[in-house]
Amino acid sequence: MADIQPIPTSPPAAPAPKRETPAQATAREFEAVFLGQMAKLMMESVEVGDEFSGGHGEEMFRGVLAETLGAEMAKGGGVGLAPAVLDQIIRMQGGADNGQ
């Protein structure tokens, strides 16, 4: 009897990425800024020794690094702040729509 080979099929198409609403983007950006400020405060609290100091250049770009860390953490799911902020945005929009 001949072996029956399965017909190769292409992998299922990946679902289309969800488009982020303006309110979702605002909530995510808020979390990114919050996390960036937290990272900045943590970086300022660490003593920098002479052996591993980046000198003046490090001082100049430490804020940029903190902002980037915050943005990447928020993009990766954050700490759960964005959903709470989004709920408040929606609640405020609902109140505005009702004439309040």
PDB file of N, CA and C in Angstrom:
ATOM      1  N   MET A   1       0.829  -1.168   0.000  1.00  0.00           N
ATOM      2  CA  MET A   1       0.000   0.000   0.000  1.00  0.00           C
ATOM      3  C   MET A   1       0.884   1.245   0.000  1.00  0.00           C
ATOM      4  N   ALA A   2       0.539   2.231  -0.762  1.00  0.00           N
ATOM      5  CA  ALA A   2       1.332   3.454  -0.863  1.00  0.00           C
ATOM      6  C   ALA A   2       1.076   4.342   0.343  1.00  0.00           C
ATOM      7  N   ASP A   3       2.164   4.947   0.829  1.00  0.00           N
ATOM      8  CA  ASP A   3       2.021   5.889   1.948  1.00  0.00           C
ATOM      9  C   ASP A   3       1.367   7.167   1.447  1.00  0.00           C
ATOM     10  N   ILE A   4       0.388   7.601   2.174  1.00  0.00           N
ATOM     11  CA  ILE A   4      -0.303   8.833   1.818  1.00  0.00           C
ATOM     12  C   ILE A   4       0.373   9.974   2.567  1.00  0.00           C
ATOM     13  N   GLN A   5       0.872  10.910   1.819  1.00  0.00           N
ATOM     14  CA  GLN A   5       1.539  12.071   2.397  1.00  0.00           C
ATOM     15  C   GLN A   5       0.527  13.199   2.552  1.00  0.00           C
ATOM     16  N   PRO A   6       0.558  13.888   3.702  1.00  0.00           N
ATOM     17  CA  PRO A   6      -0.360  15.014   3.862  1.00  0.00           C
ATOM     18  C   PRO A   6       0.009  16.149   2.911  1.00  0.00           C
ATOM     19  N   ILE A   7      -0.989  16.843   2.498  1.00  0.00           N
ATOM     20  CA  ILE A   7      -0.776  17.989   1.622  1.00  0.00           C
ATOM     21  C   ILE A   7      -0.236  19.129   2.475  1.00  0.00           C
ATOM     22  N   PRO A   8       0.926  19.661   2.083  1.00  0.00           N
ATOM     23  CA  PRO A   8       1.468  20.770   2.879  1.00  0.00           C
ATOM     24  C   PRO A   8       0.536  21.978   2.811  1.00  0.00           C
ATOM     25  N   THR A   9       0.331  22.559   3.929  1.00  0.00           N
ATOM     26  CA  THR A   9      -0.503  23.765   3.986  1.00  0.00           C
ATOM     27  C   THR A   9       0.322  24.899   4.547  1.00  0.00           C
ATOM     28  N   SER A  10      -0.070  26.075   4.187  1.00  0.00           N
ATOM     29  CA  SER A  10       0.632  27.239   4.725  1.00  0.00           C
ATOM     30  C   SER A  10       0.162  27.456   6.165  1.00  0.00           C
ATOM     31  N   PRO A  11       1.017  28.042   6.977  1.00  0.00           N
ATOM     32  CA  PRO A  11       0.608  28.295   8.363  1.00  0.00           C
ATOM     33  C   PRO A  11      -0.559  29.269   8.393  1.00  0.00           C
ATOM     34  N   PRO A  12      -1.376  29.179   9.424  1.00  0.00           N
ATOM     35  CA  PRO A  12      -2.510  30.102   9.488  1.00  0.00           C
ATOM     36  C   PRO A  12      -2.023  31.543   9.523  1.00  0.00           C
ATOM     37  N   ALA A  13      -2.789  32.368   8.869  1.00  0.00           N
ATOM     38  CA  ALA A  13      -2.421  33.787   8.827  1.00  0.00           C
ATOM     39  C   ALA A  13      -2.484  34.378  10.226  1.00  0.00           C
ATOM     40  N   ALA A  14      -1.504  35.199  10.519  1.00  0.00           N
ATOM     41  CA  ALA A  14      -1.484  35.869  11.821  1.00  0.00           C
ATOM     42  C   ALA A  14      -2.635  36.865  11.864  1.00  0.00           C
ATOM     43  N   PRO A  15      -3.280  36.980  13.015  1.00  0.00           N
ATOM     44  CA  PRO A  15      -4.366  37.950  13.097  1.00  0.00           C
ATOM     45  C   PRO A  15      -3.836  39.365  12.879  1.00  0.00           C
ATOM     46  N   ALA A  16      -4.650  40.164  12.264  1.00  0.00           N
ATOM     47  CA  ALA A  16      -4.258  41.549  12.011  1.00  0.00           C
ATOM     48  C   ALA A  16      -4.047  42.252  13.345  1.00  0.00           C
ATOM     49  N   PRO A  17      -2.975  43.041  13.461  1.00  0.00           N
ATOM     50  CA  PRO A  17      -2.746  43.733  14.718  1.00  0.00           C
ATOM     51  C   PRO A  17      -3.881  44.703  15.022  1.00  0.00           C
ATOM     52  N   LYS A  18      -4.255  44.746  16.288  1.00  0.00           N
ATOM     53  CA  LYS A  18      -5.332  45.648  16.680  1.00  0.00           C
ATOM     54  C   LYS A  18      -4.831  47.084  16.604  1.00  0.00           C
ATOM     55  N   ARG A  19      -5.678  47.918  16.078  1.00  0.00           N
ATOM     56  CA  ARG A  19      -5.342  49.344  16.036  1.00  0.00           C
ATOM     57  C   ARG A  19      -5.626  49.939  17.400  1.00  0.00           C
ATOM     58  N   GLU A  20      -4.708  50.718  17.868  1.00  0.00           N
ATOM     59  CA  GLU A  20      -4.834  51.346  19.175  1.00  0.00           C
ATOM     60  C   GLU A  20      -5.701  52.596  19.057  1.00  0.00           C
ATOM     61  N   THR A  21      -6.678  52.717  19.937  1.00  0.00           N
ATOM     62  CA  THR A  21      -7.513  53.913  19.940  1.00  0.00           C
ATOM     63  C   THR A  21      -6.709  55.071  20.514  1.00  0.00           C
ATOM     64  N   PRO A  22      -7.118  56.296  20.259  1.00  0.00           N
ATOM     65  CA  PRO A  22      -6.414  57.435  20.849  1.00  0.00           C
ATOM     66  C   PRO A  22      -6.378  57.372  22.384  1.00  0.00           C
ATOM     67  N   ALA A  23      -7.456  56.909  22.991  1.00  0.00           N
ATOM     68  CA  ALA A  23      -7.488  56.808  24.456  1.00  0.00           C
ATOM     69  C   ALA A  23      -6.491  55.761  24.945  1.00  0.00           C
ATOM     70  N   GLN A  24      -6.384  54.638  24.236  1.00  0.00           N
ATOM     71  CA  GLN A  24      -5.422  53.608  24.612  1.00  0.00           C
ATOM     72  C   GLN A  24      -3.997  54.128  24.463  1.00  0.00           C
ATOM     73  N   ALA A  25      -3.734  54.859  23.385  1.00  0.00           N
ATOM     74  CA  ALA A  25      -2.401  55.422  23.169  1.00  0.00           C
ATOM     75  C   ALA A  25      -2.049  56.409  24.275  1.00  0.00           C
ATOM     76  N   THR A  26      -3.006  57.234  24.662  1.00  0.00           N
ATOM     77  CA  THR A  26      -2.773  58.202  25.734  1.00  0.00           C
ATOM     78  C   THR A  26      -2.469  57.502  27.046  1.00  0.00           C
ATOM     79  N   ALA A  27      -3.222  56.453  27.348  1.00  0.00           N
ATOM     80  CA  ALA A  27      -3.003  55.704  28.592  1.00  0.00           C
ATOM     81  C   ALA A  27      -1.638  55.036  28.587  1.00  0.00           C
ATOM     82  N   ARG A  28      -1.240  54.460  27.456  1.00  0.00           N
ATOM     83  CA  ARG A  28       0.069  53.814  27.359  1.00  0.00           C
ATOM     84  C   ARG A  28       1.191  54.846  27.470  1.00  0.00           C
ATOM     85  N   GLU A  29       1.019  55.992  26.829  1.00  0.00           N
ATOM     86  CA  GLU A  29       2.029  57.049  26.904  1.00  0.00           C
ATOM     87  C   GLU A  29       2.148  57.584  28.332  1.00  0.00           C
ATOM     88  N   PHE A  30       1.020  57.706  29.026  1.00  0.00           N
ATOM     89  CA  PHE A  30       1.048  58.147  30.422  1.00  0.00           C
ATOM     90  C   PHE A  30       1.862  57.163  31.256  1.00  0.00           C
ATOM     91  N   GLU A  31       1.617  55.871  31.054  1.00  0.00           N
ATOM     92  CA  GLU A  31       2.372  54.866  31.805  1.00  0.00           C
ATOM     93  C   GLU A  31       3.850  54.934  31.449  1.00  0.00           C
ATOM     94  N   ALA A  32       4.171  55.168  30.180  1.00  0.00           N
ATOM     95  CA  ALA A  32       5.566  55.264  29.752  1.00  0.00           C
ATOM     96  C   ALA A  32       6.266  56.431  30.449  1.00  0.00           C
ATOM     97  N   VAL A  33       5.596  57.567  30.525  1.00  0.00           N
ATOM     98  CA  VAL A  33       6.184  58.730  31.198  1.00  0.00           C
ATOM     99  C   VAL A  33       6.363  58.445  32.686  1.00  0.00           C
ATOM    100  N   PHE A  34       5.353  57.840  33.298  1.00  0.00           N
ATOM    101  CA  PHE A  34       5.439  57.496  34.716  1.00  0.00           C
ATOM    102  C   PHE A  34       6.615  56.556  34.974  1.00  0.00           C
ATOM    103  N   LEU A  35       6.733  55.502  34.161  1.00  0.00           N
ATOM    104  CA  LEU A  35       7.823  54.556  34.347  1.00  0.00           C
ATOM    105  C   LEU A  35       9.178  55.205  34.066  1.00  0.00           C
ATOM    106  N   GLY A  36       9.224  56.109  33.105  1.00  0.00           N
ATOM    107  CA  GLY A  36      10.466  56.838  32.831  1.00  0.00           C
ATOM    108  C   GLY A  36      10.894  57.682  34.017  1.00  0.00           C
ATOM    109  N   GLN A  37       9.930  58.343  34.666  1.00  0.00           N
ATOM    110  CA  GLN A  37      10.250  59.138  35.850  1.00  0.00           C
ATOM    111  C   GLN A  37      10.719  58.250  36.997  1.00  0.00           C
ATOM    112  N   MET A  38      10.100  57.093  37.149  1.00  0.00           N
ATOM    113  CA  MET A  38      10.532  56.144  38.180  1.00  0.00           C
ATOM    114  C   MET A  38      11.964  55.680  37.914  1.00  0.00           C
ATOM    115  N   ALA A  39      12.263  55.360  36.647  1.00  0.00           N
ATOM    116  CA  ALA A  39      13.610  54.922  36.286  1.00  0.00           C
ATOM    117  C   ALA A  39      14.621  56.037  36.555  1.00  0.00           C
ATOM    118  N   LYS A  40      14.234  57.266  36.246  1.00  0.00           N
ATOM    119  CA  LYS A  40      15.127  58.400  36.473  1.00  0.00           C
ATOM    120  C   LYS A  40      15.440  58.549  37.961  1.00  0.00           C
ATOM    121  N   LEU A  41      14.401  58.444  38.796  1.00  0.00           N
ATOM    122  CA  LEU A  41      14.618  58.544  40.239  1.00  0.00           C
ATOM    123  C   LEU A  41      15.518  57.421  40.748  1.00  0.00           C
ATOM    124  N   MET A  42      15.310  56.221  40.234  1.00  0.00           N
ATOM    125  CA  MET A  42      16.156  55.103  40.652  1.00  0.00           C
ATOM    126  C   MET A  42      17.601  55.320  40.223  1.00  0.00           C
ATOM    127  N   MET A  43      17.809  55.817  39.013  1.00  0.00           N
ATOM    128  CA  MET A  43      19.173  56.055  38.526  1.00  0.00           C
ATOM    129  C   MET A  43      19.875  57.141  39.347  1.00  0.00           C
ATOM    130  N   GLU A  44      19.116  58.144  39.766  1.00  0.00           N
ATOM    131  CA  GLU A  44      19.702  59.220  40.555  1.00  0.00           C
ATOM    132  C   GLU A  44      20.090  58.744  41.950  1.00  0.00           C
ATOM    133  N   SER A  45      19.435  57.686  42.425  1.00  0.00           N
ATOM    134  CA  SER A  45      19.713  57.217  43.780  1.00  0.00           C
ATOM    135  C   SER A  45      20.922  56.291  43.854  1.00  0.00           C
ATOM    136  N   VAL A  46      21.469  55.896  42.711  1.00  0.00           N
ATOM    137  CA  VAL A  46      22.606  54.989  42.680  1.00  0.00           C
ATOM    138  C   VAL A  46      23.897  55.799  42.618  1.00  0.00           C
ATOM    139  N   GLU A  47      24.820  55.465  43.526  1.00  0.00           N
ATOM    140  CA  GLU A  47      26.117  56.135  43.495  1.00  0.00           C
ATOM    141  C   GLU A  47      26.939  55.575  42.342  1.00  0.00           C
ATOM    142  N   VAL A  48      27.548  56.458  41.574  1.00  0.00           N
ATOM    143  CA  VAL A  48      28.351  56.058  40.435  1.00  0.00           C
ATOM    144  C   VAL A  48      29.809  56.145  40.842  1.00  0.00           C
ATOM    145  N   GLY A  49      30.498  55.008  40.732  1.00  0.00           N
ATOM    146  CA  GLY A  49      31.919  54.979  41.065  1.00  0.00           C
ATOM    147  C   GLY A  49      32.776  55.445  39.913  1.00  0.00           C
ATOM    148  N   ASP A  50      34.042  55.700  40.178  1.00  0.00           N
ATOM    149  CA  ASP A  50      34.957  56.175  39.145  1.00  0.00           C
ATOM    150  C   ASP A  50      35.261  55.110  38.094  1.00  0.00           C
ATOM    151  N   GLU A  51      35.281  53.831  38.509  1.00  0.00           N
ATOM    152  CA  GLU A  51      35.666  52.768  37.580  1.00  0.00           C
ATOM    153  C   GLU A  51      34.659  52.591  36.444  1.00  0.00           C
ATOM    154  N   PHE A  52      33.377  52.730  36.741  1.00  0.00           N
ATOM    155  CA  PHE A  52      32.358  52.460  35.736  1.00  0.00           C
ATOM    156  C   PHE A  52      31.577  53.698  35.337  1.00  0.00           C
ATOM    157  N   SER A  53      32.059  54.842  35.680  1.00  0.00           N
ATOM    158  CA  SER A  53      31.353  56.073  35.360  1.00  0.00           C
ATOM    159  C   SER A  53      31.518  56.406  33.888  1.00  0.00           C
ATOM    160  N   GLY A  54      30.447  56.857  33.297  1.00  0.00           N
ATOM    161  CA  GLY A  54      30.491  57.295  31.906  1.00  0.00           C
ATOM    162  C   GLY A  54      30.846  58.771  31.802  1.00  0.00           C
ATOM    163  N   GLY A  55      31.109  59.382  32.961  1.00  0.00           N
ATOM    164  CA  GLY A  55      31.514  60.769  32.972  1.00  0.00           C
ATOM    165  C   GLY A  55      30.404  61.718  32.573  1.00  0.00           C
ATOM    166  N   HIS A  56      30.793  62.806  31.964  1.00  0.00           N
ATOM    167  CA  HIS A  56      29.845  63.854  31.589  1.00  0.00           C
ATOM    168  C   HIS A  56      28.843  63.355  30.546  1.00  0.00           C
ATOM    169  N   GLY A  57      29.309  62.517  29.624  1.00  0.00           N
ATOM    170  CA  GLY A  57      28.419  61.987  28.594  1.00  0.00           C
ATOM    171  C   GLY A  57      27.279  61.177  29.197  1.00  0.00           C
ATOM    172  N   GLU A  58      27.602  60.376  30.199  1.00  0.00           N
ATOM    173  CA  GLU A  58      26.558  59.587  30.858  1.00  0.00           C
ATOM    174  C   GLU A  58      25.557  60.499  31.540  1.00  0.00           C
ATOM    175  N   GLU A  59      26.046  61.518  32.199  1.00  0.00           N
ATOM    176  CA  GLU A  59      25.157  62.461  32.878  1.00  0.00           C
ATOM    177  C   GLU A  59      24.222  63.129  31.878  1.00  0.00           C
ATOM    178  N   MET A  60      24.749  63.460  30.700  1.00  0.00           N
ATOM    179  CA  MET A  60      23.953  64.144  29.683  1.00  0.00           C
ATOM    180  C   MET A  60      22.810  63.268  29.165  1.00  0.00           C
ATOM    181  N   PHE A  61      23.062  61.967  29.020  1.00  0.00           N
ATOM    182  CA  PHE A  61      22.086  61.092  28.383  1.00  0.00           C
ATOM    183  C   PHE A  61      21.324  60.214  29.365  1.00  0.00           C
ATOM    184  N   ARG A  62      21.539  60.395  30.654  1.00  0.00           N
ATOM    185  CA  ARG A  62      20.837  59.579  31.643  1.00  0.00           C
ATOM    186  C   ARG A  62      19.321  59.784  31.554  1.00  0.00           C
ATOM    187  N   GLY A  63      18.882  61.003  31.328  1.00  0.00           N
ATOM    188  CA  GLY A  63      17.447  61.280  31.191  1.00  0.00           C
ATOM    189  C   GLY A  63      16.850  60.602  29.971  1.00  0.00           C
ATOM    190  N   VAL A  64      17.590  60.606  28.871  1.00  0.00           N
ATOM    191  CA  VAL A  64      17.123  59.949  27.650  1.00  0.00           C
ATOM    192  C   VAL A  64      17.009  58.439  27.884  1.00  0.00           C
ATOM    193  N   LEU A  65      17.994  57.885  28.591  1.00  0.00           N
ATOM    194  CA  LEU A  65      17.955  56.456  28.900  1.00  0.00           C
ATOM    195  C   LEU A  65      16.740  56.133  29.765  1.00  0.00           C
ATOM    196  N   ALA A  66      16.466  56.965  30.757  1.00  0.00           N
ATOM    197  CA  ALA A  66      15.313  56.735  31.631  1.00  0.00           C
ATOM    198  C   ALA A  66      14.004  56.793  30.840  1.00  0.00           C
ATOM    199  N   GLU A  67      13.875  57.758  29.936  1.00  0.00           N
ATOM    200  CA  GLU A  67      12.669  57.863  29.104  1.00  0.00           C
ATOM    201  C   GLU A  67      12.508  56.630  28.221  1.00  0.00           C
ATOM    202  N   THR A  68      13.601  56.183  27.632  1.00  0.00           N
ATOM    203  CA  THR A  68      13.563  55.015  26.757  1.00  0.00           C
ATOM    204  C   THR A  68      13.212  53.762  27.546  1.00  0.00           C
ATOM    205  N   LEU A  69      13.776  53.618  28.737  1.00  0.00           N
ATOM    206  CA  LEU A  69      13.433  52.482  29.584  1.00  0.00           C
ATOM    207  C   LEU A  69      11.937  52.482  29.900  1.00  0.00           C
ATOM    208  N   GLY A  70      11.405  53.649  30.242  1.00  0.00           N
ATOM    209  CA  GLY A  70       9.982  53.759  30.536  1.00  0.00           C
ATOM    210  C   GLY A  70       9.116  53.389  29.350  1.00  0.00           C
ATOM    211  N   ALA A  71       9.491  53.860  28.167  1.00  0.00           N
ATOM    212  CA  ALA A  71       8.719  53.556  26.961  1.00  0.00           C
ATOM    213  C   ALA A  71       8.751  52.065  26.646  1.00  0.00           C
ATOM    214  N   GLU A  72       9.914  51.441  26.788  1.00  0.00           N
ATOM    215  CA  GLU A  72      10.027  50.011  26.505  1.00  0.00           C
ATOM    216  C   GLU A  72       9.275  49.172  27.530  1.00  0.00           C
ATOM    217  N   MET A  73       9.322  49.577  28.784  1.00  0.00           N
ATOM    218  CA  MET A  73       8.575  48.841  29.806  1.00  0.00           C
ATOM    219  C   MET A  73       7.075  48.940  29.540  1.00  0.00           C
ATOM    220  N   ALA A  74       6.606  50.126  29.169  1.00  0.00           N
ATOM    221  CA  ALA A  74       5.178  50.298  28.875  1.00  0.00           C
ATOM    222  C   ALA A  74       4.779  49.483  27.656  1.00  0.00           C
ATOM    223  N   LYS A  75       5.645  49.460  26.626  1.00  0.00           N
ATOM    224  CA  LYS A  75       5.357  48.702  25.413  1.00  0.00           C
ATOM    225  C   LYS A  75       5.271  47.206  25.723  1.00  0.00           C
ATOM    226  N   GLY A  76       6.078  46.749  26.679  1.00  0.00           N
ATOM    227  CA  GLY A  76       6.098  45.339  27.041  1.00  0.00           C
ATOM    228  C   GLY A  76       5.005  44.936  28.013  1.00  0.00           C
ATOM    229  N   GLY A  77       4.088  45.809  28.307  1.00  0.00           N
ATOM    230  CA  GLY A  77       2.987  45.471  29.207  1.00  0.00           C
ATOM    231  C   GLY A  77       2.945  46.327  30.445  1.00  0.00           C
ATOM    232  N   GLY A  78       4.026  47.012  30.733  1.00  0.00           N
ATOM    233  CA  GLY A  78       4.037  47.944  31.854  1.00  0.00           C
ATOM    234  C   GLY A  78       3.803  47.285  33.194  1.00  0.00           C
ATOM    235  N   VAL A  79       3.263  48.062  34.099  1.00  0.00           N
ATOM    236  CA  VAL A  79       3.004  47.595  35.459  1.00  0.00           C
ATOM    237  C   VAL A  79       1.509  47.588  35.768  1.00  0.00           C
ATOM    238  N   GLY A  80       0.700  47.720  34.746  1.00  0.00           N
ATOM    239  CA  GLY A  80      -0.742  47.680  34.946  1.00  0.00           C
ATOM    240  C   GLY A  80      -1.385  49.033  35.174  1.00  0.00           C
ATOM    241  N   LEU A  81      -0.648  50.090  34.965  1.00  0.00           N
ATOM    242  CA  LEU A  81      -1.176  51.432  35.163  1.00  0.00           C
ATOM    243  C   LEU A  81      -2.048  51.879  33.982  1.00  0.00           C
ATOM    244  N   ALA A  82      -1.660  51.517  32.766  1.00  0.00           N
ATOM    245  CA  ALA A  82      -2.383  51.970  31.572  1.00  0.00           C
ATOM    246  C   ALA A  82      -3.862  51.569  31.583  1.00  0.00           C
ATOM    247  N   PRO A  83      -4.220  50.334  31.959  1.00  0.00           N
ATOM    248  CA  PRO A  83      -5.652  50.000  31.980  1.00  0.00           C
ATOM    249  C   PRO A  83      -6.450  50.852  32.962  1.00  0.00           C
ATOM    250  N   ALA A  84      -5.860  51.164  34.115  1.00  0.00           N
ATOM    251  CA  ALA A  84      -6.558  52.006  35.087  1.00  0.00           C
ATOM    252  C   ALA A  84      -6.727  53.425  34.553  1.00  0.00           C
ATOM    253  N   VAL A  85      -5.697  53.934  33.887  1.00  0.00           N
ATOM    254  CA  VAL A  85      -5.779  55.269  33.287  1.00  0.00           C
ATOM    255  C   VAL A  85      -6.812  55.263  32.162  1.00  0.00           C
ATOM    256  N   LEU A  86      -6.825  54.209  31.355  1.00  0.00           N
ATOM    257  CA  LEU A  86      -7.800  54.100  30.269  1.00  0.00           C
ATOM    258  C   LEU A  86      -9.225  54.093  30.818  1.00  0.00           C
ATOM    259  N   ASP A  87      -9.456  53.370  31.906  1.00  0.00           N
ATOM    260  CA  ASP A  87     -10.791  53.364  32.528  1.00  0.00           C
ATOM    261  C   ASP A  87     -11.215  54.772  32.926  1.00  0.00           C
ATOM    262  N   GLN A  88     -10.276  55.534  33.484  1.00  0.00           N
ATOM    263  CA  GLN A  88     -10.599  56.902  33.895  1.00  0.00           C
ATOM    264  C   GLN A  88     -10.860  57.802  32.686  1.00  0.00           C
ATOM    265  N   ILE A  89     -10.082  57.607  31.624  1.00  0.00           N
ATOM    266  CA  ILE A  89     -10.306  58.391  30.402  1.00  0.00           C
ATOM    267  C   ILE A  89     -11.698  58.114  29.856  1.00  0.00           C
ATOM    268  N   ILE A  90     -12.060  56.838  29.786  1.00  0.00           N
ATOM    269  CA  ILE A  90     -13.379  56.464  29.271  1.00  0.00           C
ATOM    270  C   ILE A  90     -14.472  57.022  30.170  1.00  0.00           C
ATOM    271  N   ARG A  91     -14.269  56.944  31.466  1.00  0.00           N
ATOM    272  CA  ARG A  91     -15.261  57.483  32.408  1.00  0.00           C
ATOM    273  C   ARG A  91     -15.419  58.992  32.203  1.00  0.00           C
ATOM    274  N   MET A  92     -14.301  59.683  32.009  1.00  0.00           N
ATOM    275  CA  MET A  92     -14.366  61.135  31.796  1.00  0.00           C
ATOM    276  C   MET A  92     -15.042  61.457  30.466  1.00  0.00           C
ATOM    277  N   GLN A  93     -14.765  60.676  29.439  1.00  0.00           N
ATOM    278  CA  GLN A  93     -15.403  60.901  28.149  1.00  0.00           C
ATOM    279  C   GLN A  93     -16.891  60.636  28.236  1.00  0.00           C
ATOM    280  N   GLY A  94     -17.268  59.611  28.984  1.00  0.00           N
ATOM    281  CA  GLY A  94     -18.688  59.322  29.180  1.00  0.00           C
ATOM    282  C   GLY A  94     -19.371  60.454  29.895  1.00  0.00           C
ATOM    283  N   GLY A  95     -18.699  61.031  30.903  1.00  0.00           N
ATOM    284  CA  GLY A  95     -19.265  62.164  31.627  1.00  0.00           C
ATOM    285  C   GLY A  95     -19.385  63.376  30.737  1.00  0.00           C
ATOM    286  N   ALA A  96     -18.409  63.567  29.838  1.00  0.00           N
ATOM    287  CA  ALA A  96     -18.442  64.716  28.915  1.00  0.00           C
ATOM    288  C   ALA A  96     -19.553  64.535  27.899  1.00  0.00           C
ATOM    289  N   ASP A  97     -19.777  63.275  27.476  1.00  0.00           N
ATOM    290  CA  ASP A  97     -20.836  63.028  26.502  1.00  0.00           C
ATOM    291  C   ASP A  97     -22.226  63.253  27.087  1.00  0.00           C
ATOM    292  N   ASN A  98     -22.351  63.108  28.409  1.00  0.00           N
ATOM    293  CA  ASN A  98     -23.644  63.296  29.049  1.00  0.00           C
ATOM    294  C   ASN A  98     -23.907  64.748  29.426  1.00  0.00           C
ATOM    295  N   GLY A  99     -23.033  65.646  28.985  1.00  0.00           N
ATOM    296  CA  GLY A  99     -23.232  67.055  29.273  1.00  0.00           C
ATOM    297  C   GLY A  99     -22.757  67.467  30.642  1.00  0.00           C
ATOM    298  N   GLN A 100     -21.938  66.651  31.286  1.00  0.00           N
ATOM    299  CA  GLN A 100     -21.441  66.992  32.633  1.00  0.00           C
ATOM    300  C   GLN A 100     -20.170  67.768  32.547  1.00  0.00           C
TER     301      GLN A 100
END
